[in-house]
Amino acid sequence: MSRPLRIAVTDPIISAFADDLRRTAREHEWVIADPEVPGSARAAIDGADVVICSRLTVDDMTGGTRVRLVHATGAGVDRVDAGAVPDGVPLCNTGHHGPAIAEHVMMTALMLRRRALEADAQMRRGEWRTVATVPGSAPDAVPYHRSLAGSTLGLIGFGEIGRSIAPLATAFGMRVVALRRHPDAGGPGTELLDAVYGDDQLHALLAESDVVVVTAPLTESTRGLIDADALAQLRPDALVINVARGALIDEDALYDALAERRIGGAAIDVWWGAPEGTQAPPAVHRFAELDRVVLTPHFSGHAREVFTDRAADIARNIDLLDAGLPLERRVR
């Protein structure tokens, strides 16, 4: 039997699920990097056969001459630097985030549609404001909230997240439309779509949608996709929910649309700029001044089940590598 594999884990999140990672067919040598120690990732990778990471730099791989597999701990590999993975070495990813993010999307859509933030703040101030206590004839009348049923949810992107959102939205009685690079591609979940638009039909989808959910990957062609012109297509009560990457939406354009009440609200889980430790990036403080905005720290996919399932995927690929069998979810 060949020697046990040396496996370096540099992602601090998946490291917390080390017991799940170690559920391989046979025991291996595991090295867990300490993110608080400078150079810890590079030291762990030195001499490793497998690298499990959320990000990877060329410098990290200085001693990675024996690496046979680089496994990203999520779906995105945008934080794996070009040139960090040696030629011929497989790069794999994992997923399972779709259902958790879909729950977050529906939760925030309901919060905004039913004015949960506003009502909660009023109750905490000791106010009981409803259409019964402040009727429509009053100068500061309480508006009726709208049900999701009968509304149209527009998906920008129809990958794992979009395919997980569609059945939930349908269960709420919503129509679902989607923007796809290949509108005629078909595949799982497409039977739930009432309409499919191509990349050149973004404005048409926005004009039709009551709730817009951004799920597309960030590429050079999608950066700034939702700009001022795009936001101008939305109805005054439309909601924008971004669970993809901050840079898909023009920050200033979204802020202005919300501040000027040209759209009904937004739920922002992904941001412009990275946080420093537990300190939120400047954009968070800016949007926090607005009402009708749900702010979360890029945690829509952080359900425990997501990471246990991801660890199981990685363990299975380690077994496949060890047995000399084809790997699953290979990106390149």
C-alpha atoms as a PDB file:
ATOM      1  CA  MET A   1       0.000   0.000   0.000  1.00  0.00           C
ATOM      2  CA  SER A   2       1.260   3.519  -0.795  1.00  0.00           C
ATOM      3  CA  ARG A   3       2.213   5.904   1.966  1.00  0.00           C
ATOM      4  CA  PRO A   4      -0.486   8.039   3.589  1.00  0.00           C
ATOM      5  CA  LEU A   5      -1.107  11.378   1.903  1.00  0.00           C
ATOM      6  CA  ARG A   6       0.072  14.597   3.501  1.00  0.00           C
ATOM      7  CA  ILE A   7      -2.904  16.969   3.472  1.00  0.00           C
ATOM      8  CA  ALA A   8      -2.615  20.700   4.186  1.00  0.00           C
ATOM      9  CA  VAL A   9      -5.716  22.607   5.279  1.00  0.00           C
ATOM     10  CA  THR A  10      -5.362  26.387   5.077  1.00  0.00           C
ATOM     11  CA  ASP A  11      -9.020  27.474   5.174  1.00  0.00           C
ATOM     12  CA  PRO A  12      -9.913  28.368   8.795  1.00  0.00           C
ATOM     13  CA  ILE A  13     -13.636  27.739   8.255  1.00  0.00           C
ATOM     14  CA  ILE A  14     -13.368  24.175   6.949  1.00  0.00           C
ATOM     15  CA  SER A  15     -10.675  23.508   9.570  1.00  0.00           C
ATOM     16  CA  ALA A  16     -13.442  23.613  12.158  1.00  0.00           C
ATOM     17  CA  PHE A  17     -14.881  20.541  10.388  1.00  0.00           C
ATOM     18  CA  ALA A  18     -11.625  18.582  10.549  1.00  0.00           C
ATOM     19  CA  ASP A  19     -13.363  15.517  11.990  1.00  0.00           C
ATOM     20  CA  ASP A  20     -15.584  15.378   8.888  1.00  0.00           C
ATOM     21  CA  LEU A  21     -12.595  15.853   6.576  1.00  0.00           C
ATOM     22  CA  ARG A  22     -10.784  12.959   8.251  1.00  0.00           C
ATOM     23  CA  ARG A  23     -13.578  10.506   7.399  1.00  0.00           C
ATOM     24  CA  THR A  24     -11.513   9.035   4.569  1.00  0.00           C
ATOM     25  CA  ALA A  25     -11.149   5.366   3.711  1.00  0.00           C
ATOM     26  CA  ARG A  26      -7.766   5.284   5.420  1.00  0.00           C
ATOM     27  CA  GLU A  27      -5.837   7.569   7.717  1.00  0.00           C
ATOM     28  CA  HIS A  28      -3.617  10.302   6.337  1.00  0.00           C
ATOM     29  CA  GLU A  29      -1.272  12.940   7.698  1.00  0.00           C
ATOM     30  CA  TRP A  30      -3.118  16.210   8.300  1.00  0.00           C
ATOM     31  CA  VAL A  31      -1.510  19.627   8.762  1.00  0.00           C
ATOM     32  CA  ILE A  32      -3.864  22.442   9.800  1.00  0.00           C
ATOM     33  CA  ALA A  33      -2.523  25.958   9.187  1.00  0.00           C
ATOM     34  CA  ASP A  34      -2.995  28.637  11.828  1.00  0.00           C
ATOM     35  CA  PRO A  35      -4.300  31.832  10.174  1.00  0.00           C
ATOM     36  CA  GLU A  36      -2.921  33.908  13.062  1.00  0.00           C
ATOM     37  CA  VAL A  37       0.652  32.835  12.291  1.00  0.00           C
ATOM     38  CA  PRO A  38       2.303  34.562   9.295  1.00  0.00           C
ATOM     39  CA  GLY A  39       3.558  32.039   6.744  1.00  0.00           C
ATOM     40  CA  SER A  40       1.549  29.221   8.309  1.00  0.00           C
ATOM     41  CA  ALA A  41      -0.189  28.343   5.026  1.00  0.00           C
ATOM     42  CA  ARG A  42       3.109  28.090   3.157  1.00  0.00           C
ATOM     43  CA  ALA A  43       4.619  25.922   5.918  1.00  0.00           C
ATOM     44  CA  ALA A  44       1.628  23.584   5.898  1.00  0.00           C
ATOM     45  CA  ILE A  45       1.746  23.215   2.107  1.00  0.00           C
ATOM     46  CA  ASP A  46       5.481  22.446   2.070  1.00  0.00           C
ATOM     47  CA  GLY A  47       5.696  18.779   1.055  1.00  0.00           C
ATOM     48  CA  ALA A  48       1.904  18.296   0.901  1.00  0.00           C
ATOM     49  CA  ASP A  49       0.125  16.027  -1.567  1.00  0.00           C
ATOM     50  CA  VAL A  50      -3.241  17.759  -1.172  1.00  0.00           C
ATOM     51  CA  VAL A  51      -4.038  21.417  -0.467  1.00  0.00           C
ATOM     52  CA  ILE A  52      -7.484  22.311   0.899  1.00  0.00           C
ATOM     53  CA  CYS A  53      -7.981  26.064   0.712  1.00  0.00           C
ATOM     54  CA  SER A  54     -10.341  28.967   0.225  1.00  0.00           C
ATOM     55  CA  ARG A  55      -7.569  31.143  -1.172  1.00  0.00           C
ATOM     56  CA  LEU A  56      -4.133  30.308  -2.556  1.00  0.00           C
ATOM     57  CA  THR A  57      -1.210  32.427  -3.665  1.00  0.00           C
ATOM     58  CA  VAL A  58       1.888  31.638  -5.664  1.00  0.00           C
ATOM     59  CA  ASP A  59       3.946  32.371  -2.542  1.00  0.00           C
ATOM     60  CA  ASP A  60       1.913  29.833  -0.529  1.00  0.00           C
ATOM     61  CA  MET A  61       2.912  27.166  -3.051  1.00  0.00           C
ATOM     62  CA  THR A  62       6.657  27.777  -2.830  1.00  0.00           C
ATOM     63  CA  GLY A  63       7.230  24.348  -1.277  1.00  0.00           C
ATOM     64  CA  GLY A  64       4.284  22.673  -2.949  1.00  0.00           C
ATOM     65  CA  THR A  65       6.296  20.723  -5.490  1.00  0.00           C
ATOM     66  CA  ARG A  66       4.644  17.434  -4.510  1.00  0.00           C
ATOM     67  CA  VAL A  67       1.043  18.658  -4.669  1.00  0.00           C
ATOM     68  CA  ARG A  68      -1.300  16.342  -6.579  1.00  0.00           C
ATOM     69  CA  LEU A  69      -4.630  18.037  -5.830  1.00  0.00           C
ATOM     70  CA  VAL A  70      -5.785  21.534  -4.904  1.00  0.00           C
ATOM     71  CA  HIS A  71      -9.301  21.499  -3.485  1.00  0.00           C
ATOM     72  CA  ALA A  72     -11.214  24.749  -2.997  1.00  0.00           C
ATOM     73  CA  THR A  73     -13.617  24.663  -0.064  1.00  0.00           C
ATOM     74  CA  GLY A  74     -16.407  26.482  -1.907  1.00  0.00           C
ATOM     75  CA  ALA A  75     -17.815  26.875  -5.384  1.00  0.00           C
ATOM     76  CA  GLY A  76     -15.763  29.939  -6.311  1.00  0.00           C
ATOM     77  CA  VAL A  77     -12.096  29.666  -7.221  1.00  0.00           C
ATOM     78  CA  ASP A  78     -11.609  33.398  -7.853  1.00  0.00           C
ATOM     79  CA  ARG A  79      -9.291  33.636  -4.823  1.00  0.00           C
ATOM     80  CA  VAL A  80      -6.936  30.988  -6.208  1.00  0.00           C
ATOM     81  CA  ASP A  81      -4.286  33.105  -7.918  1.00  0.00           C
ATOM     82  CA  ALA A  82      -3.413  32.459 -11.530  1.00  0.00           C
ATOM     83  CA  GLY A  83      -0.246  30.375 -11.558  1.00  0.00           C
ATOM     84  CA  ALA A  84      -0.678  29.097  -7.998  1.00  0.00           C
ATOM     85  CA  VAL A  85      -1.868  25.677  -9.187  1.00  0.00           C
ATOM     86  CA  PRO A  86       0.938  23.899 -11.078  1.00  0.00           C
ATOM     87  CA  ASP A  87       0.258  22.739 -14.625  1.00  0.00           C
ATOM     88  CA  GLY A  88      -1.417  19.350 -14.671  1.00  0.00           C
ATOM     89  CA  VAL A  89      -2.534  19.486 -11.027  1.00  0.00           C
ATOM     90  CA  PRO A  90      -6.332  19.163 -10.696  1.00  0.00           C
ATOM     91  CA  LEU A  91      -8.291  22.017  -9.110  1.00  0.00           C
ATOM     92  CA  CYS A  92     -11.643  20.933  -7.657  1.00  0.00           C
ATOM     93  CA  ASN A  93     -14.421  22.829  -5.929  1.00  0.00           C
ATOM     94  CA  THR A  94     -17.512  21.984  -3.911  1.00  0.00           C
ATOM     95  CA  GLY A  95     -20.978  23.417  -3.455  1.00  0.00           C
ATOM     96  CA  HIS A  96     -24.065  22.706  -1.333  1.00  0.00           C
ATOM     97  CA  HIS A  97     -24.604  26.418  -0.632  1.00  0.00           C
ATOM     98  CA  GLY A  98     -27.650  26.762  -2.880  1.00  0.00           C
ATOM     99  CA  PRO A  99     -30.424  25.694  -0.464  1.00  0.00           C
ATOM    100  CA  ALA A 100     -29.049  27.779   2.420  1.00  0.00           C
ATOM    101  CA  ILE A 101     -28.754  30.897   0.266  1.00  0.00           C
ATOM    102  CA  ALA A 102     -32.214  30.292  -1.182  1.00  0.00           C
ATOM    103  CA  GLU A 103     -33.667  30.325   2.345  1.00  0.00           C
ATOM    104  CA  HIS A 104     -31.861  33.621   2.985  1.00  0.00           C
ATOM    105  CA  VAL A 105     -33.265  35.130  -0.212  1.00  0.00           C
ATOM    106  CA  MET A 106     -36.840  34.252   0.694  1.00  0.00           C
ATOM    107  CA  MET A 107     -36.339  35.425   4.292  1.00  0.00           C
ATOM    108  CA  THR A 108     -35.077  38.862   3.241  1.00  0.00           C
ATOM    109  CA  ALA A 109     -37.736  39.217   0.540  1.00  0.00           C
ATOM    110  CA  LEU A 110     -40.387  38.590   3.184  1.00  0.00           C
ATOM    111  CA  MET A 111     -38.733  40.981   5.651  1.00  0.00           C
ATOM    112  CA  LEU A 112     -38.768  43.773   3.089  1.00  0.00           C
ATOM    113  CA  ARG A 113     -42.206  43.073   1.674  1.00  0.00           C
ATOM    114  CA  ARG A 114     -43.770  42.909   5.160  1.00  0.00           C
ATOM    115  CA  ARG A 115     -41.822  45.904   6.518  1.00  0.00           C
ATOM    116  CA  ALA A 116     -40.360  43.740   9.301  1.00  0.00           C
ATOM    117  CA  LEU A 117     -37.448  46.095  10.034  1.00  0.00           C
ATOM    118  CA  GLU A 118     -39.708  49.120  10.331  1.00  0.00           C
ATOM    119  CA  ALA A 119     -42.334  47.351  12.443  1.00  0.00           C
ATOM    120  CA  ASP A 120     -39.697  45.872  14.758  1.00  0.00           C
ATOM    121  CA  ALA A 121     -38.138  49.308  15.337  1.00  0.00           C
ATOM    122  CA  GLN A 122     -41.551  50.811  16.102  1.00  0.00           C
ATOM    123  CA  MET A 123     -42.412  48.079  18.587  1.00  0.00           C
ATOM    124  CA  ARG A 124     -39.075  48.555  20.356  1.00  0.00           C
ATOM    125  CA  ARG A 125     -39.975  52.245  20.735  1.00  0.00           C
ATOM    126  CA  GLY A 126     -43.276  51.224  22.302  1.00  0.00           C
ATOM    127  CA  GLU A 127     -45.368  52.104  19.243  1.00  0.00           C
ATOM    128  CA  TRP A 128     -48.226  49.934  17.923  1.00  0.00           C
ATOM    129  CA  ARG A 129     -48.692  51.085  14.344  1.00  0.00           C
ATOM    130  CA  THR A 130     -50.984  49.096  12.041  1.00  0.00           C
ATOM    131  CA  VAL A 131     -53.611  49.885   9.429  1.00  0.00           C
ATOM    132  CA  ALA A 132     -56.128  49.603  12.288  1.00  0.00           C
ATOM    133  CA  THR A 133     -54.458  52.103  14.646  1.00  0.00           C
ATOM    134  CA  VAL A 134     -53.166  54.524  11.965  1.00  0.00           C
ATOM    135  CA  PRO A 135     -55.707  54.214   9.133  1.00  0.00           C
ATOM    136  CA  GLY A 136     -55.298  55.260   5.549  1.00  0.00           C
ATOM    137  CA  SER A 137     -56.902  58.631   6.128  1.00  0.00           C
ATOM    138  CA  ALA A 138     -54.184  59.676   8.610  1.00  0.00           C
ATOM    139  CA  PRO A 139     -51.319  61.894   7.343  1.00  0.00           C
ATOM    140  CA  ASP A 140     -48.755  59.291   8.472  1.00  0.00           C
ATOM    141  CA  ALA A 141     -50.858  56.258   7.483  1.00  0.00           C
ATOM    142  CA  VAL A 142     -49.356  52.789   7.709  1.00  0.00           C
ATOM    143  CA  PRO A 143     -49.116  51.189   4.256  1.00  0.00           C
ATOM    144  CA  TYR A 144     -50.442  47.733   3.563  1.00  0.00           C
ATOM    145  CA  HIS A 145     -47.714  45.237   2.870  1.00  0.00           C
ATOM    146  CA  ARG A 146     -47.857  43.001  -0.192  1.00  0.00           C
ATOM    147  CA  SER A 147     -47.823  39.234  -0.381  1.00  0.00           C
ATOM    148  CA  LEU A 148     -45.157  37.503  -2.439  1.00  0.00           C
ATOM    149  CA  ALA A 149     -47.839  35.431  -4.140  1.00  0.00           C
ATOM    150  CA  GLY A 150     -48.634  36.730  -7.599  1.00  0.00           C
ATOM    151  CA  SER A 151     -45.337  38.650  -7.848  1.00  0.00           C
ATOM    152  CA  THR A 152     -42.514  37.947 -10.265  1.00  0.00           C
ATOM    153  CA  LEU A 153     -39.053  36.964  -9.053  1.00  0.00           C
ATOM    154  CA  GLY A 154     -36.263  37.626 -11.540  1.00  0.00           C
ATOM    155  CA  LEU A 155     -33.064  35.604 -11.263  1.00  0.00           C
ATOM    156  CA  ILE A 156     -29.880  37.024 -12.749  1.00  0.00           C
ATOM    157  CA  GLY A 157     -28.023  33.765 -13.185  1.00  0.00           C
ATOM    158  CA  PHE A 158     -29.381  30.234 -12.972  1.00  0.00           C
ATOM    159  CA  GLY A 159     -26.652  28.124 -11.406  1.00  0.00           C
ATOM    160  CA  GLU A 160     -26.827  26.205  -8.131  1.00  0.00           C
ATOM    161  CA  ILE A 161     -28.250  29.182  -6.224  1.00  0.00           C
ATOM    162  CA  GLY A 162     -30.838  30.117  -8.824  1.00  0.00           C
ATOM    163  CA  ARG A 163     -31.968  26.497  -9.169  1.00  0.00           C
ATOM    164  CA  SER A 164     -32.447  26.359  -5.377  1.00  0.00           C
ATOM    165  CA  ILE A 165     -34.402  29.625  -5.224  1.00  0.00           C
ATOM    166  CA  ALA A 166     -36.861  28.780  -8.023  1.00  0.00           C
ATOM    167  CA  PRO A 167     -38.789  26.004  -6.208  1.00  0.00           C
ATOM    168  CA  LEU A 168     -39.077  28.064  -3.005  1.00  0.00           C
ATOM    169  CA  ALA A 169     -40.358  31.091  -4.896  1.00  0.00           C
ATOM    170  CA  THR A 170     -42.806  28.890  -6.791  1.00  0.00           C
ATOM    171  CA  ALA A 171     -44.042  27.434  -3.496  1.00  0.00           C
ATOM    172  CA  PHE A 172     -44.823  30.996  -2.383  1.00  0.00           C
ATOM    173  CA  GLY A 173     -46.948  31.451  -5.494  1.00  0.00           C
ATOM    174  CA  MET A 174     -44.451  33.593  -7.414  1.00  0.00           C
ATOM    175  CA  ARG A 175     -43.702  33.594 -11.111  1.00  0.00           C
ATOM    176  CA  VAL A 176     -40.009  32.993 -11.762  1.00  0.00           C
ATOM    177  CA  VAL A 177     -38.029  34.340 -14.711  1.00  0.00           C
ATOM    178  CA  ALA A 178     -34.290  34.060 -15.275  1.00  0.00           C
ATOM    179  CA  LEU A 179     -31.441  35.643 -17.209  1.00  0.00           C
ATOM    180  CA  ARG A 180     -29.009  33.053 -18.603  1.00  0.00           C
ATOM    181  CA  ARG A 181     -26.007  33.165 -20.872  1.00  0.00           C
ATOM    182  CA  HIS A 182     -27.528  30.294 -22.853  1.00  0.00           C
ATOM    183  CA  PRO A 183     -31.335  30.733 -22.677  1.00  0.00           C
ATOM    184  CA  ASP A 184     -32.037  27.454 -24.480  1.00  0.00           C
ATOM    185  CA  ALA A 185     -29.688  25.354 -22.341  1.00  0.00           C
ATOM    186  CA  GLY A 186     -32.427  23.554 -20.427  1.00  0.00           C
ATOM    187  CA  GLY A 187     -31.393  21.410 -17.467  1.00  0.00           C
ATOM    188  CA  PRO A 188     -32.697  20.854 -13.926  1.00  0.00           C
ATOM    189  CA  GLY A 189     -35.146  23.467 -12.663  1.00  0.00           C
ATOM    190  CA  THR A 190     -35.885  25.080 -16.012  1.00  0.00           C
ATOM    191  CA  GLU A 191     -39.393  23.614 -15.934  1.00  0.00           C
ATOM    192  CA  LEU A 192     -40.148  26.066 -13.098  1.00  0.00           C
ATOM    193  CA  LEU A 193     -39.259  29.129 -15.162  1.00  0.00           C
ATOM    194  CA  ASP A 194     -42.038  31.175 -16.732  1.00  0.00           C
ATOM    195  CA  ALA A 195     -39.581  32.907 -19.053  1.00  0.00           C
ATOM    196  CA  VAL A 196     -35.871  32.799 -19.847  1.00  0.00           C
ATOM    197  CA  TYR A 197     -33.954  35.838 -21.102  1.00  0.00           C
ATOM    198  CA  GLY A 198     -30.584  36.079 -22.794  1.00  0.00           C
ATOM    199  CA  ASP A 199     -27.685  38.285 -21.675  1.00  0.00           C
ATOM    200  CA  ASP A 200     -28.838  41.091 -23.971  1.00  0.00           C
ATOM    201  CA  GLN A 201     -32.299  41.191 -22.353  1.00  0.00           C
ATOM    202  CA  LEU A 202     -31.371  42.337 -18.839  1.00  0.00           C
ATOM    203  CA  HIS A 203     -33.554  45.433 -18.959  1.00  0.00           C
ATOM    204  CA  ALA A 204     -36.578  43.417 -20.061  1.00  0.00           C
ATOM    205  CA  LEU A 205     -36.173  41.047 -17.104  1.00  0.00           C
ATOM    206  CA  LEU A 206     -35.764  43.940 -14.665  1.00  0.00           C
ATOM    207  CA  ALA A 207     -38.866  45.709 -15.955  1.00  0.00           C
ATOM    208  CA  GLU A 208     -40.912  42.544 -15.387  1.00  0.00           C
ATOM    209  CA  SER A 209     -39.584  41.692 -11.907  1.00  0.00           C
ATOM    210  CA  ASP A 210     -40.922  42.622  -8.487  1.00  0.00           C
ATOM    211  CA  VAL A 211     -37.993  40.949  -6.704  1.00  0.00           C
ATOM    212  CA  VAL A 212     -34.602  40.786  -8.439  1.00  0.00           C
ATOM    213  CA  VAL A 213     -32.050  38.297  -7.113  1.00  0.00           C
ATOM    214  CA  VAL A 214     -28.446  38.587  -8.294  1.00  0.00           C
ATOM    215  CA  THR A 215     -26.746  35.169  -8.325  1.00  0.00           C
ATOM    216  CA  ALA A 216     -24.401  35.420 -11.334  1.00  0.00           C
ATOM    217  CA  PRO A 217     -20.637  34.860 -11.012  1.00  0.00           C
ATOM    218  CA  LEU A 218     -18.343  37.883 -11.055  1.00  0.00           C
ATOM    219  CA  THR A 219     -16.427  38.139 -14.319  1.00  0.00           C
ATOM    220  CA  GLU A 220     -15.135  41.032 -16.355  1.00  0.00           C
ATOM    221  CA  SER A 221     -18.354  40.923 -18.382  1.00  0.00           C
ATOM    222  CA  THR A 222     -20.633  40.970 -15.305  1.00  0.00           C
ATOM    223  CA  ARG A 223     -18.754  43.563 -13.256  1.00  0.00           C
ATOM    224  CA  GLY A 224     -21.059  46.576 -12.834  1.00  0.00           C
ATOM    225  CA  LEU A 225     -23.853  44.718 -14.629  1.00  0.00           C
ATOM    226  CA  ILE A 226     -26.551  46.371 -12.506  1.00  0.00           C
ATOM    227  CA  ASP A 227     -25.818  50.039 -13.172  1.00  0.00           C
ATOM    228  CA  ALA A 228     -27.956  53.187 -12.988  1.00  0.00           C
ATOM    229  CA  ASP A 229     -29.636  52.453 -16.331  1.00  0.00           C
ATOM    230  CA  ALA A 230     -30.506  48.941 -15.199  1.00  0.00           C
ATOM    231  CA  LEU A 231     -31.917  50.117 -11.870  1.00  0.00           C
ATOM    232  CA  ALA A 232     -34.019  52.684 -13.726  1.00  0.00           C
ATOM    233  CA  GLN A 233     -35.945  49.801 -15.313  1.00  0.00           C
ATOM    234  CA  LEU A 234     -37.286  48.648 -11.928  1.00  0.00           C
ATOM    235  CA  ARG A 235     -40.709  49.494 -10.551  1.00  0.00           C
ATOM    236  CA  PRO A 236     -40.811  51.882  -7.559  1.00  0.00           C
ATOM    237  CA  ASP A 237     -41.630  49.044  -5.141  1.00  0.00           C
ATOM    238  CA  ALA A 238     -39.177  46.496  -6.597  1.00  0.00           C
ATOM    239  CA  LEU A 239     -36.624  44.787  -4.346  1.00  0.00           C
ATOM    240  CA  VAL A 240     -32.990  43.974  -5.146  1.00  0.00           C
ATOM    241  CA  ILE A 241     -31.306  41.063  -3.346  1.00  0.00           C
ATOM    242  CA  ASN A 242     -27.593  40.444  -3.966  1.00  0.00           C
ATOM    243  CA  VAL A 243     -26.111  37.115  -2.845  1.00  0.00           C
ATOM    244  CA  ALA A 244     -23.426  36.892  -5.561  1.00  0.00           C
ATOM    245  CA  ARG A 245     -20.604  39.459  -5.395  1.00  0.00           C
ATOM    246  CA  GLY A 246     -20.825  43.137  -4.524  1.00  0.00           C
ATOM    247  CA  ALA A 247     -19.139  44.309  -7.699  1.00  0.00           C
ATOM    248  CA  LEU A 248     -21.962  43.030  -9.915  1.00  0.00           C
ATOM    249  CA  ILE A 249     -23.935  46.090  -8.796  1.00  0.00           C
ATOM    250  CA  ASP A 250     -22.753  49.682  -9.124  1.00  0.00           C
ATOM    251  CA  GLU A 251     -22.520  50.774  -5.482  1.00  0.00           C
ATOM    252  CA  ASP A 252     -23.299  54.460  -6.058  1.00  0.00           C
ATOM    253  CA  ALA A 253     -26.199  53.678  -8.387  1.00  0.00           C
ATOM    254  CA  LEU A 254     -27.812  51.350  -5.840  1.00  0.00           C
ATOM    255  CA  TYR A 255     -27.279  53.790  -2.992  1.00  0.00           C
ATOM    256  CA  ASP A 256     -28.835  56.637  -4.960  1.00  0.00           C
ATOM    257  CA  ALA A 257     -31.823  54.519  -6.034  1.00  0.00           C
ATOM    258  CA  LEU A 258     -32.495  53.584  -2.402  1.00  0.00           C
ATOM    259  CA  ALA A 259     -31.825  57.030  -0.932  1.00  0.00           C
ATOM    260  CA  GLU A 260     -34.104  58.667  -3.492  1.00  0.00           C
ATOM    261  CA  ARG A 261     -36.735  55.931  -2.976  1.00  0.00           C
ATOM    262  CA  ARG A 262     -36.782  55.016  -6.629  1.00  0.00           C
ATOM    263  CA  ILE A 263     -36.890  51.325  -5.657  1.00  0.00           C
ATOM    264  CA  GLY A 264     -38.611  49.592  -2.769  1.00  0.00           C
ATOM    265  CA  GLY A 265     -35.649  48.170  -0.893  1.00  0.00           C
ATOM    266  CA  ALA A 266     -32.599  45.936  -0.975  1.00  0.00           C
ATOM    267  CA  ALA A 267     -31.010  43.031   0.831  1.00  0.00           C
ATOM    268  CA  ILE A 268     -27.213  43.127   0.605  1.00  0.00           C
ATOM    269  CA  ASP A 269     -25.213  40.080   1.676  1.00  0.00           C
ATOM    270  CA  VAL A 270     -22.124  40.735  -0.460  1.00  0.00           C
ATOM    271  CA  TRP A 271     -20.097  43.929  -0.422  1.00  0.00           C
ATOM    272  CA  TRP A 272     -17.726  46.286  -2.137  1.00  0.00           C
ATOM    273  CA  GLY A 273     -14.381  45.856  -0.393  1.00  0.00           C
ATOM    274  CA  ALA A 274     -13.234  43.289   2.134  1.00  0.00           C
ATOM    275  CA  PRO A 275     -13.608  43.647   5.904  1.00  0.00           C
ATOM    276  CA  GLU A 276     -10.629  44.051   8.221  1.00  0.00           C
ATOM    277  CA  GLY A 277     -11.181  41.417  10.861  1.00  0.00           C
ATOM    278  CA  THR A 278     -14.544  42.113  12.445  1.00  0.00           C
ATOM    279  CA  GLN A 279     -14.645  45.708  11.171  1.00  0.00           C
ATOM    280  CA  ALA A 280     -17.185  46.202   8.402  1.00  0.00           C
ATOM    281  CA  PRO A 281     -15.994  47.830   5.152  1.00  0.00           C
ATOM    282  CA  PRO A 282     -16.983  51.477   4.533  1.00  0.00           C
ATOM    283  CA  ALA A 283     -19.895  50.571   2.249  1.00  0.00           C
ATOM    284  CA  VAL A 284     -21.724  48.928   5.158  1.00  0.00           C
ATOM    285  CA  HIS A 285     -21.757  52.168   7.167  1.00  0.00           C
ATOM    286  CA  ARG A 286     -23.038  54.023   4.137  1.00  0.00           C
ATOM    287  CA  PHE A 287     -26.009  51.719   3.508  1.00  0.00           C
ATOM    288  CA  ALA A 288     -26.723  51.390   7.221  1.00  0.00           C
ATOM    289  CA  GLU A 289     -27.973  55.001   7.148  1.00  0.00           C
ATOM    290  CA  LEU A 290     -30.852  53.933   4.907  1.00  0.00           C
ATOM    291  CA  ASP A 291     -34.102  52.265   5.874  1.00  0.00           C
ATOM    292  CA  ARG A 292     -35.698  49.447   3.860  1.00  0.00           C
ATOM    293  CA  VAL A 293     -32.310  47.736   3.569  1.00  0.00           C
ATOM    294  CA  VAL A 294     -31.376  44.373   5.125  1.00  0.00           C
ATOM    295  CA  LEU A 295     -27.622  44.164   5.733  1.00  0.00           C
ATOM    296  CA  THR A 296     -25.807  40.867   6.369  1.00  0.00           C
ATOM    297  CA  PRO A 297     -22.062  40.013   6.416  1.00  0.00           C
ATOM    298  CA  HIS A 298     -21.807  37.599   3.457  1.00  0.00           C
ATOM    299  CA  PHE A 299     -23.225  34.792   5.556  1.00  0.00           C
ATOM    300  CA  SER A 300     -26.244  33.645   3.564  1.00  0.00           C
ATOM    301  CA  GLY A 301     -24.571  30.298   2.855  1.00  0.00           C
ATOM    302  CA  HIS A 302     -23.176  29.730   6.339  1.00  0.00           C
ATOM    303  CA  ALA A 303     -25.480  26.927   7.437  1.00  0.00           C
ATOM    304  CA  ARG A 304     -23.691  24.149   9.323  1.00  0.00           C
ATOM    305  CA  GLU A 305     -25.036  21.587   6.864  1.00  0.00           C
ATOM    306  CA  VAL A 306     -23.247  23.363   4.031  1.00  0.00           C
ATOM    307  CA  PHE A 307     -19.837  22.779   5.577  1.00  0.00           C
ATOM    308  CA  THR A 308     -20.424  19.206   6.695  1.00  0.00           C
ATOM    309  CA  ASP A 309     -21.506  18.372   3.140  1.00  0.00           C
ATOM    310  CA  ARG A 310     -18.504  20.211   1.689  1.00  0.00           C
ATOM    311  CA  ALA A 311     -16.139  18.327   4.001  1.00  0.00           C
ATOM    312  CA  ALA A 312     -17.721  15.057   2.831  1.00  0.00           C
ATOM    313  CA  ASP A 313     -17.124  16.062  -0.812  1.00  0.00           C
ATOM    314  CA  ILE A 314     -13.473  16.796  -0.106  1.00  0.00           C
ATOM    315  CA  ALA A 315     -12.979  13.557   1.818  1.00  0.00           C
ATOM    316  CA  ARG A 316     -14.516  11.617  -1.082  1.00  0.00           C
ATOM    317  CA  ASN A 317     -12.165  13.256  -3.576  1.00  0.00           C
ATOM    318  CA  ILE A 318      -9.186  12.429  -1.354  1.00  0.00           C
ATOM    319  CA  ASP A 319     -10.290   8.783  -1.454  1.00  0.00           C
ATOM    320  CA  LEU A 320     -10.609   8.959  -5.249  1.00  0.00           C
ATOM    321  CA  LEU A 321      -7.145  10.497  -5.567  1.00  0.00           C
ATOM    322  CA  ASP A 322      -5.720   7.854  -3.240  1.00  0.00           C
ATOM    323  CA  ALA A 323      -7.301   5.104  -5.353  1.00  0.00           C
ATOM    324  CA  GLY A 324      -6.186   6.634  -8.657  1.00  0.00           C
ATOM    325  CA  LEU A 325      -9.778   7.211  -9.793  1.00  0.00           C
ATOM    326  CA  PRO A 326     -11.273  10.240 -11.615  1.00  0.00           C
ATOM    327  CA  LEU A 327     -12.045  13.177  -9.340  1.00  0.00           C
ATOM    328  CA  GLU A 328     -15.439  14.833  -8.878  1.00  0.00           C
ATOM    329  CA  ARG A 329     -16.215  18.553  -9.401  1.00  0.00           C
ATOM    330  CA  ARG A 330     -12.988  19.215 -11.239  1.00  0.00           C
ATOM    331  CA  VAL A 331     -12.735  22.840 -12.374  1.00  0.00           C
ATOM    332  CA  ARG A 332      -9.539  22.388 -14.339  1.00  0.00           C
END
